[in-house]
Amino acid sequence: MATQKHLFITGTSTVSWKDAIVQAVAEASKTIDYLTSVKIIEQRASISGKKLNEFYVDLDLVFNVDRERED
């Protein structure tokens, strides 16, 4: 039976929500092994003048626990 952990993180981007998601997953994968899925919890943005200038995404990252892993 696989055990999974959930990690809630927030990604940011000045380009788009999609870019915020991609950047957050890429950054998390540098230190977390066995990522299996991502769920977008919320999307929001800050506004400057009449334009969106920063995009935020709250994510639920899921990864498998490796019981055989040695520290």
N, C-alpha and C. Protein backbone atom coordinates (compact mmCIF):
# COMPACT_ATOMS: atom_id res chain seq x y z
N MET A 1 0.84 -1.17 0.00
CA MET A 1 0.00 0.00 0.00
C MET A 1 0.89 1.24 0.00
N ALA A 2 0.63 2.16 -0.88
CA ALA A 2 1.40 3.39 -0.97
C ALA A 2 0.85 4.43 0.00
N THR A 3 1.78 5.15 0.61
CA THR A 3 1.40 6.26 1.47
C THR A 3 1.77 7.54 0.76
N GLN A 4 0.87 8.49 0.76
CA GLN A 4 1.12 9.76 0.10
C GLN A 4 1.05 10.90 1.11
N LYS A 5 1.86 11.92 0.83
CA LYS A 5 1.83 13.14 1.63
C LYS A 5 1.36 14.28 0.74
N HIS A 6 0.74 15.27 1.37
CA HIS A 6 0.28 16.47 0.68
C HIS A 6 1.07 17.66 1.19
N LEU A 7 1.48 18.50 0.28
CA LEU A 7 2.21 19.70 0.62
C LEU A 7 1.52 20.88 -0.05
N PHE A 8 1.14 21.87 0.72
CA PHE A 8 0.46 23.03 0.17
C PHE A 8 1.48 24.15 -0.01
N ILE A 9 1.58 24.64 -1.26
CA ILE A 9 2.54 25.70 -1.56
C ILE A 9 1.85 26.78 -2.39
N THR A 10 2.48 27.93 -2.48
CA THR A 10 2.00 29.03 -3.32
C THR A 10 3.07 29.35 -4.35
N GLY A 11 2.67 29.38 -5.62
CA GLY A 11 3.58 29.75 -6.70
C GLY A 11 3.24 31.15 -7.19
N THR A 12 4.25 31.85 -7.69
CA THR A 12 4.04 33.20 -8.23
C THR A 12 4.71 33.34 -9.59
N SER A 13 4.17 34.27 -10.37
CA SER A 13 4.74 34.57 -11.69
C SER A 13 4.27 35.95 -12.12
N THR A 14 5.08 36.60 -12.90
CA THR A 14 4.67 37.87 -13.52
C THR A 14 4.15 37.64 -14.94
N VAL A 15 4.12 36.37 -15.37
CA VAL A 15 3.71 36.02 -16.73
C VAL A 15 2.26 35.54 -16.79
N SER A 16 1.94 34.48 -16.01
CA SER A 16 0.60 33.90 -16.07
C SER A 16 0.40 32.93 -14.91
N TRP A 17 -0.86 32.50 -14.72
CA TRP A 17 -1.14 31.47 -13.73
C TRP A 17 -0.47 30.16 -14.11
N LYS A 18 -0.52 29.83 -15.39
CA LYS A 18 0.12 28.58 -15.84
C LYS A 18 1.61 28.60 -15.53
N ASP A 19 2.26 29.72 -15.78
CA ASP A 19 3.68 29.83 -15.49
C ASP A 19 3.95 29.70 -13.99
N ALA A 20 3.07 30.26 -13.18
CA ALA A 20 3.22 30.13 -11.72
C ALA A 20 3.15 28.67 -11.29
N ILE A 21 2.25 27.91 -11.90
CA ILE A 21 2.12 26.48 -11.60
C ILE A 21 3.38 25.73 -12.03
N VAL A 22 3.82 25.96 -13.25
CA VAL A 22 4.99 25.26 -13.79
C VAL A 22 6.23 25.59 -12.95
N GLN A 23 6.41 26.84 -12.61
CA GLN A 23 7.58 27.25 -11.82
C GLN A 23 7.54 26.64 -10.42
N ALA A 24 6.37 26.63 -9.80
CA ALA A 24 6.25 26.08 -8.45
C ALA A 24 6.54 24.58 -8.43
N VAL A 25 6.01 23.85 -9.39
CA VAL A 25 6.27 22.40 -9.46
C VAL A 25 7.75 22.13 -9.75
N ALA A 26 8.34 22.91 -10.64
CA ALA A 26 9.76 22.73 -10.96
C ALA A 26 10.63 23.00 -9.74
N GLU A 27 10.30 24.03 -8.99
CA GLU A 27 11.08 24.37 -7.80
C GLU A 27 10.92 23.29 -6.72
N ALA A 28 9.68 22.84 -6.51
CA ALA A 28 9.43 21.81 -5.49
C ALA A 28 10.13 20.51 -5.85
N SER A 29 10.18 20.18 -7.13
CA SER A 29 10.79 18.91 -7.55
C SER A 29 12.30 18.88 -7.33
N LYS A 30 12.90 20.02 -7.07
CA LYS A 30 14.34 20.06 -6.78
C LYS A 30 14.65 19.42 -5.43
N THR A 31 13.70 19.47 -4.50
CA THR A 31 13.96 18.95 -3.15
C THR A 31 12.98 17.87 -2.71
N ILE A 32 11.96 17.59 -3.50
CA ILE A 32 10.98 16.57 -3.15
C ILE A 32 10.95 15.50 -4.23
N ASP A 33 11.20 14.26 -3.83
CA ASP A 33 11.17 13.14 -4.77
C ASP A 33 9.76 12.57 -4.84
N TYR A 34 9.49 11.87 -5.90
CA TYR A 34 8.27 11.09 -6.09
C TYR A 34 6.99 11.93 -6.17
N LEU A 35 7.07 13.15 -6.73
CA LEU A 35 5.85 13.93 -6.95
C LEU A 35 4.94 13.16 -7.88
N THR A 36 3.65 13.10 -7.55
CA THR A 36 2.72 12.32 -8.36
C THR A 36 1.60 13.16 -8.97
N SER A 37 1.19 14.23 -8.28
CA SER A 37 0.09 15.03 -8.84
C SER A 37 0.07 16.40 -8.20
N VAL A 38 -0.69 17.28 -8.84
CA VAL A 38 -0.88 18.63 -8.34
C VAL A 38 -2.35 19.00 -8.50
N LYS A 39 -2.88 19.69 -7.52
CA LYS A 39 -4.26 20.18 -7.58
C LYS A 39 -4.21 21.69 -7.36
N ILE A 40 -4.85 22.42 -8.26
CA ILE A 40 -4.92 23.87 -8.12
C ILE A 40 -6.05 24.20 -7.15
N ILE A 41 -5.70 24.79 -6.02
CA ILE A 41 -6.68 25.12 -4.99
C ILE A 41 -7.30 26.49 -5.28
N GLU A 42 -6.46 27.46 -5.59
CA GLU A 42 -6.96 28.82 -5.82
C GLU A 42 -6.01 29.58 -6.73
N GLN A 43 -6.57 30.49 -7.52
CA GLN A 43 -5.80 31.39 -8.37
C GLN A 43 -6.21 32.81 -8.04
N ARG A 44 -5.22 33.71 -7.98
CA ARG A 44 -5.52 35.12 -7.76
C ARG A 44 -4.40 35.94 -8.38
N ALA A 45 -4.60 37.26 -8.44
CA ALA A 45 -3.59 38.13 -9.05
C ALA A 45 -3.63 39.49 -8.38
N SER A 46 -2.50 40.17 -8.44
CA SER A 46 -2.46 41.55 -7.98
C SER A 46 -2.61 42.46 -9.20
N ILE A 47 -3.14 43.65 -8.96
CA ILE A 47 -3.43 44.59 -10.05
C ILE A 47 -2.63 45.85 -9.82
N SER A 48 -2.04 46.34 -10.89
CA SER A 48 -1.34 47.61 -10.86
C SER A 48 -1.92 48.46 -11.99
N GLY A 49 -2.57 49.56 -11.64
CA GLY A 49 -3.25 50.35 -12.65
C GLY A 49 -4.43 49.56 -13.17
N LYS A 50 -4.43 49.27 -14.46
CA LYS A 50 -5.50 48.48 -15.08
C LYS A 50 -5.03 47.11 -15.55
N LYS A 51 -3.84 46.70 -15.07
CA LYS A 51 -3.26 45.44 -15.55
C LYS A 51 -2.98 44.50 -14.39
N LEU A 52 -3.10 43.21 -14.70
CA LEU A 52 -2.64 42.18 -13.76
C LEU A 52 -1.12 42.18 -13.80
N ASN A 53 -0.49 42.27 -12.65
CA ASN A 53 0.97 42.32 -12.70
C ASN A 53 1.67 41.17 -11.98
N GLU A 54 0.97 40.42 -11.13
CA GLU A 54 1.56 39.22 -10.54
C GLU A 54 0.46 38.19 -10.31
N PHE A 55 0.77 36.95 -10.68
CA PHE A 55 -0.18 35.86 -10.61
C PHE A 55 0.22 34.92 -9.48
N TYR A 56 -0.78 34.47 -8.70
CA TYR A 56 -0.54 33.57 -7.57
C TYR A 56 -1.41 32.33 -7.72
N VAL A 57 -0.83 31.18 -7.37
CA VAL A 57 -1.60 29.93 -7.35
C VAL A 57 -1.28 29.19 -6.06
N ASP A 58 -2.32 28.73 -5.39
CA ASP A 58 -2.16 27.86 -4.23
C ASP A 58 -2.33 26.43 -4.73
N LEU A 59 -1.35 25.60 -4.44
CA LEU A 59 -1.30 24.25 -4.97
C LEU A 59 -1.25 23.21 -3.85
N ASP A 60 -1.83 22.06 -4.12
CA ASP A 60 -1.71 20.89 -3.27
C ASP A 60 -0.85 19.90 -4.05
N LEU A 61 0.40 19.77 -3.65
CA LEU A 61 1.31 18.81 -4.29
C LEU A 61 1.23 17.48 -3.54
N VAL A 62 1.20 16.40 -4.29
CA VAL A 62 1.13 15.07 -3.68
C VAL A 62 2.38 14.29 -4.08
N PHE A 63 2.96 13.62 -3.09
CA PHE A 63 4.11 12.77 -3.39
C PHE A 63 4.05 11.50 -2.56
N ASN A 64 4.65 10.44 -3.11
CA ASN A 64 4.67 9.14 -2.44
C ASN A 64 5.77 9.11 -1.39
N VAL A 65 5.49 8.45 -0.28
CA VAL A 65 6.48 8.22 0.76
C VAL A 65 7.24 6.95 0.40
N ASP A 66 8.56 7.04 0.37
CA ASP A 66 9.40 5.88 0.07
C ASP A 66 9.86 5.27 1.39
N ARG A 67 9.22 4.20 1.78
CA ARG A 67 9.54 3.55 3.06
C ARG A 67 10.89 2.84 3.03
N GLU A 68 11.41 2.57 1.84
CA GLU A 68 12.69 1.87 1.70
C GLU A 68 13.87 2.83 1.65
N ARG A 69 13.61 4.11 1.58
CA ARG A 69 14.66 5.11 1.42
C ARG A 69 15.52 5.20 2.68
N GLU A 70 16.82 5.28 2.45
CA GLU A 70 17.75 5.45 3.56
C GLU A 70 18.13 6.92 3.62
N ASP A 71 18.24 7.45 4.82
CA ASP A 71 18.63 8.86 4.98
C ASP A 71 20.09 9.07 4.75
